[in-house]
Amino acid sequence: MDTFDVVVTAASNTDLKPAEFDGQVAMVKPLMNWDPATATWRIRLSGAHPEHVSSVLKALFEAARMYGTVVTVQLVPAERSDKAAASG
């Protein structure tokens, strides 16, 4: 079975009130790395652990529902995933 990775980004809703922003951060920060320059969180997830991928995406889509966080999921094809694993 081929494996895959996904690169997930979550762009903060910059129109939030401070308390709402703090709620968004509390929900997303434990899952991803924050880039303050772009107001974006990022993470690369391995398809070899589908339960983890599912739980992270569920939390992010809940943040999207509650706070308007923009979530993007990009598939990294198996070939590129295998090369990245071999070189890293």
PDB file of N, CA and C in Angstrom:
ATOM      1  N   MET A   1       0.841  -1.188   0.000  1.00  0.00           N
ATOM      2  CA  MET A   1       0.000   0.000   0.000  1.00  0.00           C
ATOM      3  C   MET A   1       0.885   1.250   0.000  1.00  0.00           C
ATOM      4  N   ASP A   2       0.587   2.179  -0.881  1.00  0.00           N
ATOM      5  CA  ASP A   2       1.328   3.430  -0.932  1.00  0.00           C
ATOM      6  C   ASP A   2       0.988   4.280   0.284  1.00  0.00           C
ATOM      7  N   THR A   3       1.968   5.020   0.725  1.00  0.00           N
ATOM      8  CA  THR A   3       1.721   5.963   1.805  1.00  0.00           C
ATOM      9  C   THR A   3       1.617   7.360   1.211  1.00  0.00           C
ATOM     10  N   PHE A   4       1.159   8.257   2.002  1.00  0.00           N
ATOM     11  CA  PHE A   4       1.051   9.644   1.570  1.00  0.00           C
ATOM     12  C   PHE A   4       1.258  10.534   2.777  1.00  0.00           C
ATOM     13  N   ASP A   5       1.592  11.755   2.518  1.00  0.00           N
ATOM     14  CA  ASP A   5       1.628  12.784   3.545  1.00  0.00           C
ATOM     15  C   ASP A   5       0.667  13.871   3.118  1.00  0.00           C
ATOM     16  N   VAL A   6       0.226  14.645   4.074  1.00  0.00           N
ATOM     17  CA  VAL A   6      -0.557  15.830   3.768  1.00  0.00           C
ATOM     18  C   VAL A   6       0.097  17.012   4.467  1.00  0.00           C
ATOM     19  N   VAL A   7       0.132  18.128   3.775  1.00  0.00           N
ATOM     20  CA  VAL A   7       0.573  19.387   4.367  1.00  0.00           C
ATOM     21  C   VAL A   7      -0.688  20.182   4.649  1.00  0.00           C
ATOM     22  N   VAL A   8      -0.834  20.551   5.906  1.00  0.00           N
ATOM     23  CA  VAL A   8      -2.034  21.259   6.340  1.00  0.00           C
ATOM     24  C   VAL A   8      -1.636  22.658   6.781  1.00  0.00           C
ATOM     25  N   THR A   9      -2.365  23.642   6.304  1.00  0.00           N
ATOM     26  CA  THR A   9      -2.184  25.013   6.772  1.00  0.00           C
ATOM     27  C   THR A   9      -3.517  25.499   7.325  1.00  0.00           C
ATOM     28  N   ALA A  10      -3.425  26.367   8.297  1.00  0.00           N
ATOM     29  CA  ALA A  10      -4.609  26.985   8.878  1.00  0.00           C
ATOM     30  C   ALA A  10      -4.316  28.472   9.013  1.00  0.00           C
ATOM     31  N   ALA A  11      -5.007  29.267   8.224  1.00  0.00           N
ATOM     32  CA  ALA A  11      -4.805  30.714   8.245  1.00  0.00           C
ATOM     33  C   ALA A  11      -5.758  31.333   9.261  1.00  0.00           C
ATOM     34  N   SER A  12      -5.200  32.115  10.134  1.00  0.00           N
ATOM     35  CA  SER A  12      -5.993  32.754  11.176  1.00  0.00           C
ATOM     36  C   SER A  12      -6.968  33.763  10.585  1.00  0.00           C
ATOM     37  N   ASN A  13      -8.132  33.814  11.181  1.00  0.00           N
ATOM     38  CA  ASN A  13      -9.098  34.843  10.846  1.00  0.00           C
ATOM     39  C   ASN A  13      -8.637  36.117  11.546  1.00  0.00           C
ATOM     40  N   THR A  14      -8.141  37.077  10.789  1.00  0.00           N
ATOM     41  CA  THR A  14      -7.577  38.292  11.375  1.00  0.00           C
ATOM     42  C   THR A  14      -8.627  39.291  11.841  1.00  0.00           C
ATOM     43  N   ASP A  15      -9.904  39.010  11.584  1.00  0.00           N
ATOM     44  CA  ASP A  15     -10.972  39.918  12.010  1.00  0.00           C
ATOM     45  C   ASP A  15     -11.558  39.553  13.376  1.00  0.00           C
ATOM     46  N   LEU A  16     -10.951  38.601  14.061  1.00  0.00           N
ATOM     47  CA  LEU A  16     -11.485  38.167  15.344  1.00  0.00           C
ATOM     48  C   LEU A  16     -11.218  39.189  16.441  1.00  0.00           C
ATOM     49  N   LYS A  17     -12.130  39.228  17.400  1.00  0.00           N
ATOM     50  CA  LYS A  17     -11.897  40.001  18.617  1.00  0.00           C
ATOM     51  C   LYS A  17     -10.810  39.276  19.417  1.00  0.00           C
ATOM     52  N   PRO A  18     -10.103  39.978  20.304  1.00  0.00           N
ATOM     53  CA  PRO A  18      -8.998  39.345  21.047  1.00  0.00           C
ATOM     54  C   PRO A  18      -9.392  38.045  21.764  1.00  0.00           C
ATOM     55  N   ALA A  19     -10.540  38.011  22.404  1.00  0.00           N
ATOM     56  CA  ALA A  19     -10.960  36.797  23.118  1.00  0.00           C
ATOM     57  C   ALA A  19     -11.225  35.645  22.144  1.00  0.00           C
ATOM     58  N   GLU A  20     -11.795  35.961  20.976  1.00  0.00           N
ATOM     59  CA  GLU A  20     -12.028  34.924  19.967  1.00  0.00           C
ATOM     60  C   GLU A  20     -10.712  34.426  19.391  1.00  0.00           C
ATOM     61  N   PHE A  21      -9.778  35.354  19.149  1.00  0.00           N
ATOM     62  CA  PHE A  21      -8.465  34.954  18.644  1.00  0.00           C
ATOM     63  C   PHE A  21      -7.786  34.015  19.632  1.00  0.00           C
ATOM     64  N   ASP A  22      -7.883  34.343  20.927  1.00  0.00           N
ATOM     65  CA  ASP A  22      -7.292  33.489  21.956  1.00  0.00           C
ATOM     66  C   ASP A  22      -7.927  32.095  21.944  1.00  0.00           C
ATOM     67  N   GLY A  23      -9.241  32.028  21.709  1.00  0.00           N
ATOM     68  CA  GLY A  23      -9.924  30.739  21.609  1.00  0.00           C
ATOM     69  C   GLY A  23      -9.435  29.942  20.413  1.00  0.00           C
ATOM     70  N   GLN A  24      -9.264  30.620  19.292  1.00  0.00           N
ATOM     71  CA  GLN A  24      -8.738  29.981  18.087  1.00  0.00           C
ATOM     72  C   GLN A  24      -7.332  29.437  18.338  1.00  0.00           C
ATOM     73  N   VAL A  25      -6.492  30.253  18.963  1.00  0.00           N
ATOM     74  CA  VAL A  25      -5.120  29.842  19.271  1.00  0.00           C
ATOM     75  C   VAL A  25      -5.122  28.633  20.207  1.00  0.00           C
ATOM     76  N   ALA A  26      -5.976  28.655  21.220  1.00  0.00           N
ATOM     77  CA  ALA A  26      -6.035  27.538  22.167  1.00  0.00           C
ATOM     78  C   ALA A  26      -6.427  26.238  21.470  1.00  0.00           C
ATOM     79  N   MET A  27      -7.238  26.335  20.432  1.00  0.00           N
ATOM     80  CA  MET A  27      -7.699  25.151  19.720  1.00  0.00           C
ATOM     81  C   MET A  27      -6.648  24.634  18.738  1.00  0.00           C
ATOM     82  N   VAL A  28      -5.922  25.530  18.073  1.00  0.00           N
ATOM     83  CA  VAL A  28      -5.025  25.146  16.990  1.00  0.00           C
ATOM     84  C   VAL A  28      -3.566  24.982  17.433  1.00  0.00           C
ATOM     85  N   LYS A  29      -3.112  25.798  18.361  1.00  0.00           N
ATOM     86  CA  LYS A  29      -1.698  25.810  18.754  1.00  0.00           C
ATOM     87  C   LYS A  29      -1.157  24.450  19.196  1.00  0.00           C
ATOM     88  N   PRO A  30      -1.909  23.639  19.932  1.00  0.00           N
ATOM     89  CA  PRO A  30      -1.362  22.336  20.336  1.00  0.00           C
ATOM     90  C   PRO A  30      -1.108  21.384  19.164  1.00  0.00           C
ATOM     91  N   LEU A  31      -1.678  21.685  18.008  1.00  0.00           N
ATOM     92  CA  LEU A  31      -1.607  20.783  16.867  1.00  0.00           C
ATOM     93  C   LEU A  31      -0.564  21.169  15.836  1.00  0.00           C
ATOM     94  N   MET A  32      -0.234  22.462  15.745  1.00  0.00           N
ATOM     95  CA  MET A  32       0.536  22.953  14.601  1.00  0.00           C
ATOM     96  C   MET A  32       1.571  23.976  15.036  1.00  0.00           C
ATOM     97  N   ASN A  33       2.480  24.299  14.124  1.00  0.00           N
ATOM     98  CA  ASN A  33       3.496  25.330  14.337  1.00  0.00           C
ATOM     99  C   ASN A  33       2.984  26.671  13.805  1.00  0.00           C
ATOM    100  N   TRP A  34       3.185  27.724  14.553  1.00  0.00           N
ATOM    101  CA  TRP A  34       2.686  29.060  14.227  1.00  0.00           C
ATOM    102  C   TRP A  34       3.754  29.879  13.514  1.00  0.00           C
ATOM    103  N   ASP A  35       3.373  30.563  12.450  1.00  0.00           N
ATOM    104  CA  ASP A  35       4.243  31.500  11.738  1.00  0.00           C
ATOM    105  C   ASP A  35       3.617  32.883  11.863  1.00  0.00           C
ATOM    106  N   PRO A  36       4.083  33.707  12.811  1.00  0.00           N
ATOM    107  CA  PRO A  36       3.458  35.010  13.033  1.00  0.00           C
ATOM    108  C   PRO A  36       3.539  35.952  11.841  1.00  0.00           C
ATOM    109  N   ALA A  37       4.560  35.805  11.015  1.00  0.00           N
ATOM    110  CA  ALA A  37       4.714  36.687   9.855  1.00  0.00           C
ATOM    111  C   ALA A  37       3.564  36.534   8.863  1.00  0.00           C
ATOM    112  N   THR A  38       3.020  35.312   8.762  1.00  0.00           N
ATOM    113  CA  THR A  38       1.926  35.067   7.819  1.00  0.00           C
ATOM    114  C   THR A  38       0.592  34.791   8.516  1.00  0.00           C
ATOM    115  N   ALA A  39       0.584  34.821   9.856  1.00  0.00           N
ATOM    116  CA  ALA A  39      -0.614  34.490  10.651  1.00  0.00           C
ATOM    117  C   ALA A  39      -1.176  33.129  10.229  1.00  0.00           C
ATOM    118  N   THR A  40      -0.255  32.166  10.054  1.00  0.00           N
ATOM    119  CA  THR A  40      -0.627  30.843   9.564  1.00  0.00           C
ATOM    120  C   THR A  40       0.023  29.750  10.413  1.00  0.00           C
ATOM    121  N   TRP A  41      -0.733  28.694  10.653  1.00  0.00           N
ATOM    122  CA  TRP A  41      -0.200  27.487  11.284  1.00  0.00           C
ATOM    123  C   TRP A  41       0.101  26.485  10.182  1.00  0.00           C
ATOM    124  N   ARG A  42       1.101  25.615  10.405  1.00  0.00           N
ATOM    125  CA  ARG A  42       1.470  24.591   9.407  1.00  0.00           C
ATOM    126  C   ARG A  42       1.823  23.291  10.118  1.00  0.00           C
ATOM    127  N   ILE A  43       1.551  22.187   9.428  1.00  0.00           N
ATOM    128  CA  ILE A  43       1.983  20.871   9.897  1.00  0.00           C
ATOM    129  C   ILE A  43       1.998  19.921   8.709  1.00  0.00           C
ATOM    130  N   ARG A  44       2.904  18.959   8.763  1.00  0.00           N
ATOM    131  CA  ARG A  44       2.932  17.877   7.771  1.00  0.00           C
ATOM    132  C   ARG A  44       2.561  16.601   8.513  1.00  0.00           C
ATOM    133  N   LEU A  45       1.551  15.909   8.008  1.00  0.00           N
ATOM    134  CA  LEU A  45       1.048  14.706   8.658  1.00  0.00           C
ATOM    135  C   LEU A  45       1.288  13.498   7.770  1.00  0.00           C
ATOM    136  N   SER A  46       1.601  12.379   8.384  1.00  0.00           N
ATOM    137  CA  SER A  46       1.835  11.134   7.658  1.00  0.00           C
ATOM    138  C   SER A  46       0.554  10.332   7.540  1.00  0.00           C
ATOM    139  N   GLY A  47       0.258   9.913   6.318  1.00  0.00           N
ATOM    140  CA  GLY A  47      -0.899   9.058   6.086  1.00  0.00           C
ATOM    141  C   GLY A  47      -0.737   7.680   6.691  1.00  0.00           C
ATOM    142  N   ALA A  48       0.471   7.355   7.163  1.00  0.00           N
ATOM    143  CA  ALA A  48       0.698   6.084   7.837  1.00  0.00           C
ATOM    144  C   ALA A  48      -0.001   6.055   9.199  1.00  0.00           C
ATOM    145  N   HIS A  49      -0.456   7.208   9.659  1.00  0.00           N
ATOM    146  CA  HIS A  49      -1.152   7.316  10.948  1.00  0.00           C
ATOM    147  C   HIS A  49      -2.516   7.977  10.740  1.00  0.00           C
ATOM    148  N   PRO A  50      -3.444   7.289  10.077  1.00  0.00           N
ATOM    149  CA  PRO A  50      -4.714   7.923   9.703  1.00  0.00           C
ATOM    150  C   PRO A  50      -5.547   8.405  10.885  1.00  0.00           C
ATOM    151  N   GLU A  51      -5.422   7.757  12.035  1.00  0.00           N
ATOM    152  CA  GLU A  51      -6.193   8.205  13.203  1.00  0.00           C
ATOM    153  C   GLU A  51      -5.734   9.584  13.638  1.00  0.00           C
ATOM    154  N   HIS A  52      -4.413   9.817  13.591  1.00  0.00           N
ATOM    155  CA  HIS A  52      -3.871  11.128  13.970  1.00  0.00           C
ATOM    156  C   HIS A  52      -4.284  12.195  12.952  1.00  0.00           C
ATOM    157  N   VAL A  53      -4.176  11.860  11.668  1.00  0.00           N
ATOM    158  CA  VAL A  53      -4.591  12.791  10.617  1.00  0.00           C
ATOM    159  C   VAL A  53      -6.051  13.178  10.837  1.00  0.00           C
ATOM    160  N   SER A  54      -6.884  12.185  11.104  1.00  0.00           N
ATOM    161  CA  SER A  54      -8.314  12.424  11.304  1.00  0.00           C
ATOM    162  C   SER A  54      -8.579  13.325  12.507  1.00  0.00           C
ATOM    163  N   SER A  55      -7.896  13.085  13.618  1.00  0.00           N
ATOM    164  CA  SER A  55      -8.152  13.897  14.817  1.00  0.00           C
ATOM    165  C   SER A  55      -7.681  15.338  14.629  1.00  0.00           C
ATOM    166  N   VAL A  56      -6.545  15.527  13.944  1.00  0.00           N
ATOM    167  CA  VAL A  56      -6.056  16.890  13.688  1.00  0.00           C
ATOM    168  C   VAL A  56      -7.030  17.630  12.771  1.00  0.00           C
ATOM    169  N   LEU A  57      -7.444  16.971  11.683  1.00  0.00           N
ATOM    170  CA  LEU A  57      -8.368  17.628  10.749  1.00  0.00           C
ATOM    171  C   LEU A  57      -9.708  17.937  11.407  1.00  0.00           C
ATOM    172  N   LYS A  58     -10.194  17.050  12.237  1.00  0.00           N
ATOM    173  CA  LYS A  58     -11.460  17.298  12.940  1.00  0.00           C
ATOM    174  C   LYS A  58     -11.348  18.564  13.799  1.00  0.00           C
ATOM    175  N   ALA A  59     -10.252  18.694  14.535  1.00  0.00           N
ATOM    176  CA  ALA A  59     -10.056  19.878  15.380  1.00  0.00           C
ATOM    177  C   ALA A  59      -9.939  21.146  14.533  1.00  0.00           C
ATOM    178  N   LEU A  60      -9.238  21.054  13.408  1.00  0.00           N
ATOM    179  CA  LEU A  60      -9.067  22.231  12.560  1.00  0.00           C
ATOM    180  C   LEU A  60     -10.379  22.653  11.901  1.00  0.00           C
ATOM    181  N   PHE A  61     -11.172  21.700  11.468  1.00  0.00           N
ATOM    182  CA  PHE A  61     -12.440  22.063  10.860  1.00  0.00           C
ATOM    183  C   PHE A  61     -13.423  22.594  11.898  1.00  0.00           C
ATOM    184  N   GLU A  62     -13.267  22.187  13.149  1.00  0.00           N
ATOM    185  CA  GLU A  62     -14.061  22.775  14.222  1.00  0.00           C
ATOM    186  C   GLU A  62     -13.631  24.232  14.439  1.00  0.00           C
ATOM    187  N   ALA A  63     -12.320  24.497  14.370  1.00  0.00           N
ATOM    188  CA  ALA A  63     -11.831  25.885  14.468  1.00  0.00           C
ATOM    189  C   ALA A  63     -12.369  26.712  13.307  1.00  0.00           C
ATOM    190  N   ALA A  64     -12.437  26.114  12.136  1.00  0.00           N
ATOM    191  CA  ALA A  64     -12.988  26.817  10.971  1.00  0.00           C
ATOM    192  C   ALA A  64     -14.456  27.162  11.203  1.00  0.00           C
ATOM    193  N   ARG A  65     -15.197  26.219  11.756  1.00  0.00           N
ATOM    194  CA  ARG A  65     -16.620  26.447  12.006  1.00  0.00           C
ATOM    195  C   ARG A  65     -16.822  27.543  13.058  1.00  0.00           C
ATOM    196  N   MET A  66     -16.032  27.491  14.117  1.00  0.00           N
ATOM    197  CA  MET A  66     -16.219  28.416  15.232  1.00  0.00           C
ATOM    198  C   MET A  66     -15.623  29.799  14.987  1.00  0.00           C
ATOM    199  N   TYR A  67     -14.451  29.841  14.329  1.00  0.00           N
ATOM    200  CA  TYR A  67     -13.695  31.091  14.251  1.00  0.00           C
ATOM    201  C   TYR A  67     -13.416  31.580  12.833  1.00  0.00           C
ATOM    202  N   GLY A  68     -13.801  30.819  11.839  1.00  0.00           N
ATOM    203  CA  GLY A  68     -13.531  31.229  10.460  1.00  0.00           C
ATOM    204  C   GLY A  68     -12.109  30.974  10.018  1.00  0.00           C
ATOM    205  N   THR A  69     -11.397  30.115  10.729  1.00  0.00           N
ATOM    206  CA  THR A  69     -10.045  29.727  10.342  1.00  0.00           C
ATOM    207  C   THR A  69     -10.109  29.072   8.961  1.00  0.00           C
ATOM    208  N   VAL A  70      -9.211  29.456   8.079  1.00  0.00           N
ATOM    209  CA  VAL A  70      -9.193  28.888   6.727  1.00  0.00           C
ATOM    210  C   VAL A  70      -8.221  27.710   6.718  1.00  0.00           C
ATOM    211  N   VAL A  71      -8.746  26.508   6.495  1.00  0.00           N
ATOM    212  CA  VAL A  71      -7.948  25.286   6.528  1.00  0.00           C
ATOM    213  C   VAL A  71      -7.728  24.799   5.101  1.00  0.00           C
ATOM    214  N   THR A  72      -6.458  24.487   4.794  1.00  0.00           N
ATOM    215  CA  THR A  72      -6.095  23.947   3.486  1.00  0.00           C
ATOM    216  C   THR A  72      -5.335  22.650   3.701  1.00  0.00           C
ATOM    217  N   VAL A  73      -5.722  21.617   2.952  1.00  0.00           N
ATOM    218  CA  VAL A  73      -5.038  20.322   3.013  1.00  0.00           C
ATOM    219  C   VAL A  73      -4.503  20.017   1.621  1.00  0.00           C
ATOM    220  N   GLN A  74      -3.204  19.768   1.547  1.00  0.00           N
ATOM    221  CA  GLN A  74      -2.565  19.471   0.263  1.00  0.00           C
ATOM    222  C   GLN A  74      -1.917  18.098   0.348  1.00  0.00           C
ATOM    223  N   LEU A  75      -2.288  17.207  -0.553  1.00  0.00           N
ATOM    224  CA  LEU A  75      -1.725  15.874  -0.616  1.00  0.00           C
ATOM    225  C   LEU A  75      -0.317  15.915  -1.175  1.00  0.00           C
ATOM    226  N   VAL A  76       0.604  15.221  -0.524  1.00  0.00           N
ATOM    227  CA  VAL A  76       1.952  15.044  -1.044  1.00  0.00           C
ATOM    228  C   VAL A  76       1.985  13.630  -1.606  1.00  0.00           C
ATOM    229  N   PRO A  77       2.148  13.471  -2.911  1.00  0.00           N
ATOM    230  CA  PRO A  77       2.108  12.141  -3.519  1.00  0.00           C
ATOM    231  C   PRO A  77       3.139  11.188  -2.917  1.00  0.00           C
ATOM    232  N   ALA A  78       2.858   9.900  -3.009  1.00  0.00           N
ATOM    233  CA  ALA A  78       3.697   8.862  -2.403  1.00  0.00           C
ATOM    234  C   ALA A  78       5.148   8.968  -2.843  1.00  0.00           C
ATOM    235  N   GLU A  79       5.413   9.215  -4.116  1.00  0.00           N
ATOM    236  CA  GLU A  79       6.787   9.319  -4.602  1.00  0.00           C
ATOM    237  C   GLU A  79       7.562  10.373  -3.839  1.00  0.00           C
ATOM    238  N   ARG A  80       6.969  11.557  -3.705  1.00  0.00           N
ATOM    239  CA  ARG A  80       7.646  12.646  -3.004  1.00  0.00           C
ATOM    240  C   ARG A  80       7.762  12.348  -1.525  1.00  0.00           C
ATOM    241  N   SER A  81       6.758  11.677  -0.948  1.00  0.00           N
ATOM    242  CA  SER A  81       6.819  11.308   0.470  1.00  0.00           C
ATOM    243  C   SER A  81       7.971  10.341   0.704  1.00  0.00           C
ATOM    244  N   ASP A  82       8.121   9.349  -0.181  1.00  0.00           N
ATOM    245  CA  ASP A  82       9.188   8.360  -0.028  1.00  0.00           C
ATOM    246  C   ASP A  82      10.560   9.003  -0.156  1.00  0.00           C
ATOM    247  N   LYS A  83      10.731   9.936  -1.106  1.00  0.00           N
ATOM    248  CA  LYS A  83      12.015  10.618  -1.292  1.00  0.00           C
ATOM    249  C   LYS A  83      12.338  11.480  -0.074  1.00  0.00           C
ATOM    250  N   ALA A  84      11.335  12.164   0.466  1.00  0.00           N
ATOM    251  CA  ALA A  84      11.555  13.008   1.628  1.00  0.00           C
ATOM    252  C   ALA A  84      11.955  12.166   2.830  1.00  0.00           C
ATOM    253  N   ALA A  85      11.323  10.998   2.985  1.00  0.00           N
ATOM    254  CA  ALA A  85      11.668  10.116   4.092  1.00  0.00           C
ATOM    255  C   ALA A  85      13.075   9.567   3.944  1.00  0.00           C
ATOM    256  N   ALA A  86      13.474   9.243   2.710  1.00  0.00           N
ATOM    257  CA  ALA A  86      14.791   8.686   2.452  1.00  0.00           C
ATOM    258  C   ALA A  86      15.899   9.707   2.678  1.00  0.00           C
ATOM    259  N   SER A  87      15.621  10.970   2.349  1.00  0.00           N
ATOM    260  CA  SER A  87      16.649  11.993   2.484  1.00  0.00           C
ATOM    261  C   SER A  87      16.702  12.582   3.887  1.00  0.00           C
ATOM    262  N   GLY A  88      15.643  12.423   4.672  1.00  0.00           N
ATOM    263  CA  GLY A  88      15.593  13.041   5.992  1.00  0.00           C
ATOM    264  C   GLY A  88      15.911  12.085   7.023  1.00  0.00           C
TER     265      GLY A  88
END
